[in-house]
Amino acid sequence: MSEEKRILCVGMCVLDIIHVCAEYPKEDTDRRCQSGYWQRGGNASNNSTVLRKLGAPCEFLGMISTSPAFAFLYEDCRRRNISIENCPTTDMDPPFSSIILVKSKGTRTIVHSNPGFPILTFDDFKKINLSNYTWIHFEGRNVVETRQMTVRIQEYNQGVEETGDRIQISVELEKLNRDLFELTCGVDVVFVSKDIAEHMGWHTAKEAVWGAMEIIRDMQEKLEGGSNVPLPNIICPWGSVSTDCLSSAGEYASVPACHVNEVIDSLGAGDTFLAACIYALQYLKRSLRQAVEYANQAAAFKIQHRGYDDLETFEYQE
């Protein structure tokens, strides 16, 4: 990896075992799928893959398994030029996901397995050199540890002399846990998933971005000096309907989802959207709405292709 500053994606790296089926299999039957393969997965791991395919230098940070059976995960990162040099390791087998892609409906069903895999800790995070990064994205999990990480970046930002050296911080809220909102204080961009939005009682993307902003504002006002901290930009993708966004200045927009004629592989569409949005904000210097439009097109392109490799040929249509 070159000395160019990178985007750092912090989270999980897992093994995805994928079965492509014509129809969803009936319970208690023995059936052959049309095809099957495995690939590196995990939200932050996928974000790293997409960013590299779009052309951004990036690094993944998370616990990595050294189990010989899963050397594939190491090799895949190296082949795609995704830095993993700062990842802590364990000899435990990594988490994995069993995934059924149904061609007739374009759906994906995911069953996760995680037998107590170790988490990335704040002590692990403290070892990295923050001056190597322009943007650090967090897959929302492990609130206590992750909150310490975001605070460390904020303290670093307070000490930088040039505005351009400030690290942008983003966090994805996906798990059904209200406590994850504690990770949003003082960050720049918050991605709110449809799943957690519905868990919070929000029925549309518009309700989600305004509701999330209200929660974050209330939380920041309770912190010492929090009322002087800018609010984040909030983005909520709502499947095939739209992606709504609300800027830190209170500017709201709803961007319709892109129409897709045929769904080939919907696995990782959300991870593609998120990474493409970061890429558009950081490298293309787009406005919040323009970044969402770019990311919508990238996600629509991805689900019409298997995996992520074809994203190298993605072209944004103004």
Protein backbone atom coordinates (compact mmCIF):
# COMPACT_ATOMS: atom_id res chain seq x y z
CA MET A 1 0.00 0.00 0.00
CA SER A 2 1.34 3.44 -0.94
CA GLU A 3 1.91 6.31 1.46
CA GLU A 4 -1.23 8.02 0.16
CA LYS A 5 -3.76 8.65 2.91
CA ARG A 6 -6.45 6.00 3.11
CA ILE A 7 -10.01 5.39 4.11
CA LEU A 8 -10.12 3.02 7.08
CA CYS A 9 -13.09 0.65 7.52
CA VAL A 10 -13.45 -0.77 11.02
CA GLY A 11 -15.58 -3.84 11.69
CA MET A 12 -15.94 -7.53 10.85
CA CYS A 13 -14.37 -9.84 8.27
CA VAL A 14 -16.31 -13.08 7.77
CA LEU A 15 -16.64 -15.92 5.30
CA ASP A 16 -19.78 -15.91 3.13
CA ILE A 17 -20.89 -19.32 1.82
CA ILE A 18 -23.37 -18.67 -0.98
CA HIS A 19 -25.91 -20.96 -2.66
CA VAL A 20 -27.73 -19.75 -5.79
CA CYS A 21 -31.15 -21.42 -6.06
CA ALA A 22 -33.97 -21.14 -8.58
CA GLU A 23 -36.52 -21.18 -5.76
CA TYR A 24 -36.26 -21.07 -1.99
CA PRO A 25 -35.82 -24.68 -0.80
CA LYS A 26 -38.66 -26.37 1.05
CA GLU A 27 -38.05 -27.44 4.61
CA ASP A 28 -36.72 -30.97 5.17
CA THR A 29 -35.73 -31.58 1.54
CA ASP A 30 -32.42 -32.45 -0.12
CA ARG A 31 -31.89 -30.24 -3.17
CA ARG A 32 -29.05 -29.21 -5.43
CA CYS A 33 -28.42 -25.50 -5.95
CA GLN A 34 -27.71 -24.02 -9.38
CA SER A 35 -24.30 -22.78 -8.29
CA GLY A 36 -22.33 -22.10 -5.16
CA TYR A 37 -19.25 -20.16 -4.14
CA TRP A 38 -17.68 -18.42 -1.20
CA GLN A 39 -16.37 -14.92 -0.78
CA ARG A 40 -15.02 -12.58 1.87
CA GLY A 41 -17.86 -10.81 3.68
CA GLY A 42 -18.73 -8.62 6.63
CA ASN A 43 -20.00 -5.05 6.32
CA ALA A 44 -16.73 -3.17 6.81
CA SER A 45 -14.82 -5.79 4.83
CA ASN A 46 -17.23 -5.37 1.92
CA ASN A 47 -17.02 -1.58 2.21
CA SER A 48 -13.25 -1.91 1.75
CA THR A 49 -13.70 -4.03 -1.37
CA VAL A 50 -16.08 -1.53 -2.97
CA LEU A 51 -13.85 1.43 -2.17
CA ARG A 52 -10.90 -0.30 -3.83
CA LYS A 53 -12.99 -1.14 -6.90
CA LEU A 54 -14.04 2.51 -7.18
CA GLY A 55 -10.40 3.57 -6.91
CA ALA A 56 -9.91 4.72 -3.32
CA PRO A 57 -6.91 3.63 -1.23
CA CYS A 58 -8.31 1.88 1.82
CA GLU A 59 -7.55 -0.33 4.77
CA PHE A 60 -9.59 -2.79 6.79
CA LEU A 61 -9.23 -2.98 10.57
CA GLY A 62 -10.78 -5.84 12.49
CA MET A 63 -9.97 -9.16 14.10
CA ILE A 64 -8.60 -11.62 11.54
CA SER A 65 -8.44 -15.41 11.84
CA THR A 66 -5.14 -17.16 11.17
CA SER A 67 -6.85 -20.55 10.94
CA PRO A 68 -5.27 -22.42 7.97
CA ALA A 69 -8.73 -23.35 6.69
CA PHE A 70 -9.51 -19.66 6.16
CA ALA A 71 -6.29 -18.39 4.61
CA PHE A 72 -8.57 -17.40 1.72
CA LEU A 73 -9.62 -14.27 3.66
CA TYR A 74 -6.01 -13.10 3.93
CA GLU A 75 -5.24 -13.82 0.31
CA ASP A 76 -8.38 -12.08 -0.94
CA CYS A 77 -7.45 -8.86 0.87
CA ARG A 78 -3.94 -8.97 -0.53
CA ARG A 79 -5.15 -9.68 -4.06
CA ARG A 80 -7.45 -6.66 -3.94
CA ASN A 81 -4.74 -4.44 -2.41
CA ILE A 82 -6.70 -3.84 0.79
CA SER A 83 -4.29 -3.18 3.63
CA ILE A 84 -4.77 -5.40 6.71
CA GLU A 85 -1.38 -4.66 8.23
CA ASN A 86 -2.82 -3.36 11.51
CA CYS A 87 -5.34 -6.14 12.11
CA PRO A 88 -5.00 -8.15 15.33
CA THR A 89 -5.21 -11.91 14.84
CA THR A 90 -6.59 -15.01 16.52
CA ASP A 91 -6.33 -18.71 15.75
CA MET A 92 -10.10 -19.13 16.18
CA ASP A 93 -12.11 -19.94 13.06
CA PRO A 94 -13.80 -16.76 11.78
CA PRO A 95 -17.54 -16.14 11.82
CA PHE A 96 -19.33 -17.25 8.68
CA SER A 97 -22.65 -16.68 6.96
CA SER A 98 -24.72 -19.17 4.99
CA ILE A 99 -26.57 -17.33 2.23
CA ILE A 100 -29.33 -18.42 -0.13
CA LEU A 101 -29.78 -16.28 -3.24
CA VAL A 102 -33.13 -16.96 -4.95
CA LYS A 103 -32.94 -16.12 -8.66
CA SER A 104 -36.70 -16.04 -9.28
CA LYS A 105 -37.30 -13.34 -6.67
CA GLY A 106 -33.94 -11.64 -6.39
CA THR A 107 -33.90 -12.20 -2.61
CA ARG A 108 -31.12 -13.19 -0.25
CA THR A 109 -31.56 -15.00 3.06
CA ILE A 110 -28.63 -14.88 5.49
CA VAL A 111 -27.95 -17.08 8.51
CA HIS A 112 -25.00 -15.91 10.60
CA SER A 113 -22.74 -18.04 12.79
CA ASN A 114 -20.43 -16.38 15.31
CA PRO A 115 -19.20 -18.68 18.09
CA GLY A 116 -17.74 -15.96 20.32
CA PHE A 117 -15.16 -14.56 17.90
CA PRO A 118 -12.96 -11.93 19.65
CA ILE A 119 -13.81 -8.27 19.03
CA LEU A 120 -11.54 -5.42 18.04
CA THR A 121 -10.68 -3.47 21.19
CA PHE A 122 -9.75 0.13 21.85
CA ASP A 123 -6.25 -1.07 22.78
CA ASP A 124 -5.95 -2.52 19.25
CA PHE A 125 -7.18 0.75 17.73
CA LYS A 126 -4.73 2.88 19.74
CA LYS A 127 -1.83 1.26 17.90
CA ILE A 128 -2.67 2.76 14.50
CA ASN A 129 -1.24 6.04 13.24
CA LEU A 130 -4.23 8.32 12.66
CA SER A 131 -2.26 10.61 10.37
CA ASN A 132 -2.48 7.87 7.70
CA TYR A 133 -6.21 8.36 7.19
CA THR A 134 -8.59 10.87 5.63
CA TRP A 135 -11.79 9.08 6.65
CA ILE A 136 -12.55 6.39 9.25
CA HIS A 137 -15.78 4.43 9.00
CA PHE A 138 -17.18 2.26 11.78
CA GLU A 139 -19.54 -0.68 11.50
CA GLY A 140 -21.74 0.06 14.51
CA ARG A 141 -21.14 -2.57 17.21
CA ASN A 142 -19.44 -2.93 20.62
CA VAL A 143 -20.58 0.48 21.87
CA VAL A 144 -18.11 0.84 24.76
CA GLU A 145 -15.01 0.02 22.70
CA THR A 146 -16.10 1.84 19.54
CA ARG A 147 -17.09 5.00 21.39
CA GLN A 148 -13.54 5.25 22.76
CA MET A 149 -12.25 4.95 19.21
CA THR A 150 -14.40 7.81 17.89
CA VAL A 151 -13.42 10.00 20.84
CA ARG A 152 -9.75 9.38 20.11
CA ILE A 153 -10.23 10.55 16.53
CA GLN A 154 -12.11 13.64 17.71
CA GLU A 155 -9.25 14.48 20.07
CA TYR A 156 -6.79 14.01 17.20
CA ASN A 157 -8.86 16.36 15.02
CA GLN A 158 -8.72 19.06 17.67
CA GLY A 159 -4.94 19.05 17.41
CA VAL A 160 -4.51 19.23 13.63
CA GLU A 161 -3.38 22.56 12.24
CA GLU A 162 -4.76 22.27 8.71
CA THR A 163 -8.48 21.74 8.07
CA GLY A 164 -7.62 19.33 5.26
CA ASP A 165 -5.86 17.04 7.73
CA ARG A 166 -9.02 16.52 9.76
CA ILE A 167 -10.31 12.93 9.68
CA GLN A 168 -13.94 12.49 8.66
CA ILE A 169 -15.84 9.97 10.82
CA SER A 170 -18.84 7.90 9.78
CA VAL A 171 -20.80 5.16 11.49
CA GLU A 172 -23.32 2.61 10.25
CA LEU A 173 -26.27 1.79 12.50
CA GLU A 174 -27.65 -1.57 11.42
CA LYS A 175 -27.95 -3.87 14.45
CA LEU A 176 -31.26 -3.69 16.33
CA ASN A 177 -29.81 -1.87 19.32
CA ARG A 178 -30.84 1.64 20.34
CA ASP A 179 -27.61 2.04 22.29
CA LEU A 180 -25.75 2.31 18.98
CA PHE A 181 -26.89 5.94 18.78
CA GLU A 182 -24.25 6.65 21.44
CA LEU A 183 -21.71 6.25 18.63
CA THR A 184 -23.14 9.16 16.65
CA CYS A 185 -22.08 12.06 18.87
CA GLY A 186 -19.46 14.19 17.16
CA VAL A 187 -19.25 12.14 13.96
CA ASP A 188 -19.70 13.56 10.46
CA VAL A 189 -21.98 11.04 8.72
CA VAL A 190 -24.48 8.53 10.15
CA PHE A 191 -25.93 5.75 8.01
CA VAL A 192 -29.25 4.51 9.43
CA SER A 193 -30.40 1.14 8.07
CA LYS A 194 -34.03 0.34 7.32
CA ASP A 195 -33.88 -2.48 9.87
CA ILE A 196 -32.92 -0.30 12.82
CA ALA A 197 -35.28 2.43 11.62
CA GLU A 198 -38.24 0.06 11.78
CA HIS A 199 -36.97 -1.24 15.13
CA MET A 200 -37.12 2.37 16.37
CA GLY A 201 -40.72 2.68 15.15
CA TRP A 202 -40.03 4.77 12.04
CA HIS A 203 -42.07 3.72 9.02
CA THR A 204 -40.39 5.72 6.24
CA ALA A 205 -36.91 6.97 5.44
CA LYS A 206 -38.12 10.51 6.06
CA GLU A 207 -39.27 9.61 9.57
CA ALA A 208 -35.96 7.87 10.13
CA VAL A 209 -33.64 10.76 9.26
CA TRP A 210 -35.66 13.31 11.24
CA GLY A 211 -36.13 10.91 14.15
CA ALA A 212 -32.44 10.04 14.23
CA MET A 213 -31.50 13.73 14.13
CA GLU A 214 -33.75 14.43 17.12
CA ILE A 215 -32.17 11.60 19.14
CA ILE A 216 -28.63 12.72 18.27
CA ARG A 217 -29.36 16.36 19.05
CA ASP A 218 -30.78 15.44 22.46
CA MET A 219 -27.78 13.22 23.23
CA GLN A 220 -25.24 15.86 22.25
CA GLU A 221 -26.94 18.56 24.28
CA LYS A 222 -26.54 16.42 27.38
CA LEU A 223 -22.79 16.12 26.89
CA GLU A 224 -20.44 18.74 28.29
CA GLY A 225 -19.80 21.14 25.45
CA GLY A 226 -21.95 19.00 23.17
CA SER A 227 -24.20 21.85 22.13
CA ASN A 228 -21.20 23.38 20.30
CA VAL A 229 -20.50 20.19 18.32
CA PRO A 230 -21.95 20.17 14.78
CA LEU A 231 -24.69 17.65 14.10
CA PRO A 232 -23.92 14.88 11.61
CA ASN A 233 -25.29 14.33 8.13
CA ILE A 234 -27.80 11.47 8.25
CA ILE A 235 -28.54 9.02 5.42
CA CYS A 236 -31.19 6.32 5.36
CA PRO A 237 -31.51 3.93 2.38
CA TRP A 238 -35.02 2.45 2.13
CA GLY A 239 -34.59 -0.44 -0.30
CA SER A 240 -36.20 -0.04 -3.70
CA VAL A 241 -38.15 3.07 -2.62
CA SER A 242 -35.67 5.88 -1.96
CA THR A 243 -32.73 7.07 0.06
CA ASP A 244 -33.46 10.06 2.26
CA CYS A 245 -30.81 12.34 3.72
CA LEU A 246 -30.70 15.20 6.18
CA SER A 247 -27.68 17.49 6.34
CA SER A 248 -26.17 18.87 9.52
CA ALA A 249 -27.68 22.22 8.48
CA GLY A 250 -31.18 20.73 8.32
CA GLU A 251 -31.44 20.39 4.52
CA TYR A 252 -33.63 17.40 3.66
CA ALA A 253 -33.77 15.46 0.39
CA SER A 254 -35.39 12.24 -0.82
CA VAL A 255 -33.64 10.56 -3.75
CA PRO A 256 -35.63 7.86 -5.59
CA ALA A 257 -34.01 4.45 -5.91
CA CYS A 258 -32.79 3.44 -9.36
CA HIS A 259 -34.93 1.03 -11.36
CA VAL A 260 -33.35 -2.36 -12.04
CA ASN A 261 -34.60 -4.71 -14.75
CA GLU A 262 -33.05 -7.88 -13.35
CA VAL A 263 -31.58 -8.68 -9.94
CA ILE A 264 -28.54 -10.93 -10.27
CA ASP A 265 -26.98 -10.61 -6.81
CA SER A 266 -28.47 -8.41 -4.10
CA LEU A 267 -25.94 -9.53 -1.49
CA GLY A 268 -23.88 -6.53 -0.42
CA ALA A 269 -26.04 -3.89 -2.10
CA GLY A 270 -26.23 -1.91 1.13
CA ASP A 271 -22.48 -2.19 1.68
CA THR A 272 -21.94 -0.96 -1.88
CA PHE A 273 -24.25 2.00 -1.32
CA LEU A 274 -22.45 3.03 1.85
CA ALA A 275 -18.95 2.76 0.41
CA ALA A 276 -19.95 4.57 -2.80
CA CYS A 277 -21.45 7.37 -0.74
CA ILE A 278 -18.23 7.80 1.23
CA TYR A 279 -16.24 7.72 -2.02
CA ALA A 280 -18.43 10.42 -3.57
CA LEU A 281 -18.21 12.65 -0.51
CA GLN A 282 -14.48 12.26 0.07
CA TYR A 283 -12.94 11.82 -3.39
CA LEU A 284 -15.48 13.34 -5.75
CA LYS A 285 -16.31 16.17 -3.32
CA ARG A 286 -20.03 15.85 -4.04
CA SER A 287 -22.79 17.43 -1.97
CA LEU A 288 -24.77 15.15 0.33
CA ARG A 289 -27.62 14.75 -2.15
CA GLN A 290 -25.24 14.22 -5.08
CA ALA A 291 -23.35 11.58 -3.09
CA VAL A 292 -26.62 9.75 -2.41
CA GLU A 293 -27.50 9.87 -6.11
CA TYR A 294 -24.07 8.45 -6.97
CA ALA A 295 -24.39 5.71 -4.34
CA ASN A 296 -27.91 4.78 -5.50
CA GLN A 297 -26.59 4.22 -9.02
CA ALA A 298 -23.61 2.21 -7.75
CA ALA A 299 -25.86 -0.05 -5.66
CA ALA A 300 -28.23 -0.57 -8.60
CA PHE A 301 -25.26 -1.44 -10.81
CA LYS A 302 -23.92 -3.90 -8.25
CA ILE A 303 -27.13 -5.94 -7.89
CA GLN A 304 -27.09 -6.51 -11.65
CA HIS A 305 -23.66 -8.20 -11.35
CA ARG A 306 -22.37 -11.03 -9.24
CA GLY A 307 -19.93 -9.97 -6.55
CA TYR A 308 -18.07 -6.67 -6.62
CA ASP A 309 -15.42 -6.95 -9.32
CA ASP A 310 -17.54 -5.39 -12.07
CA LEU A 311 -17.77 -2.15 -10.06
CA GLU A 312 -14.47 -1.23 -11.74
CA THR A 313 -16.57 -0.49 -14.85
CA PHE A 314 -19.30 1.49 -13.06
CA GLU A 315 -19.94 4.90 -14.61
CA TYR A 316 -22.12 7.51 -12.92
CA GLN A 317 -24.82 9.03 -15.10
CA GLU A 318 -25.28 12.74 -14.36
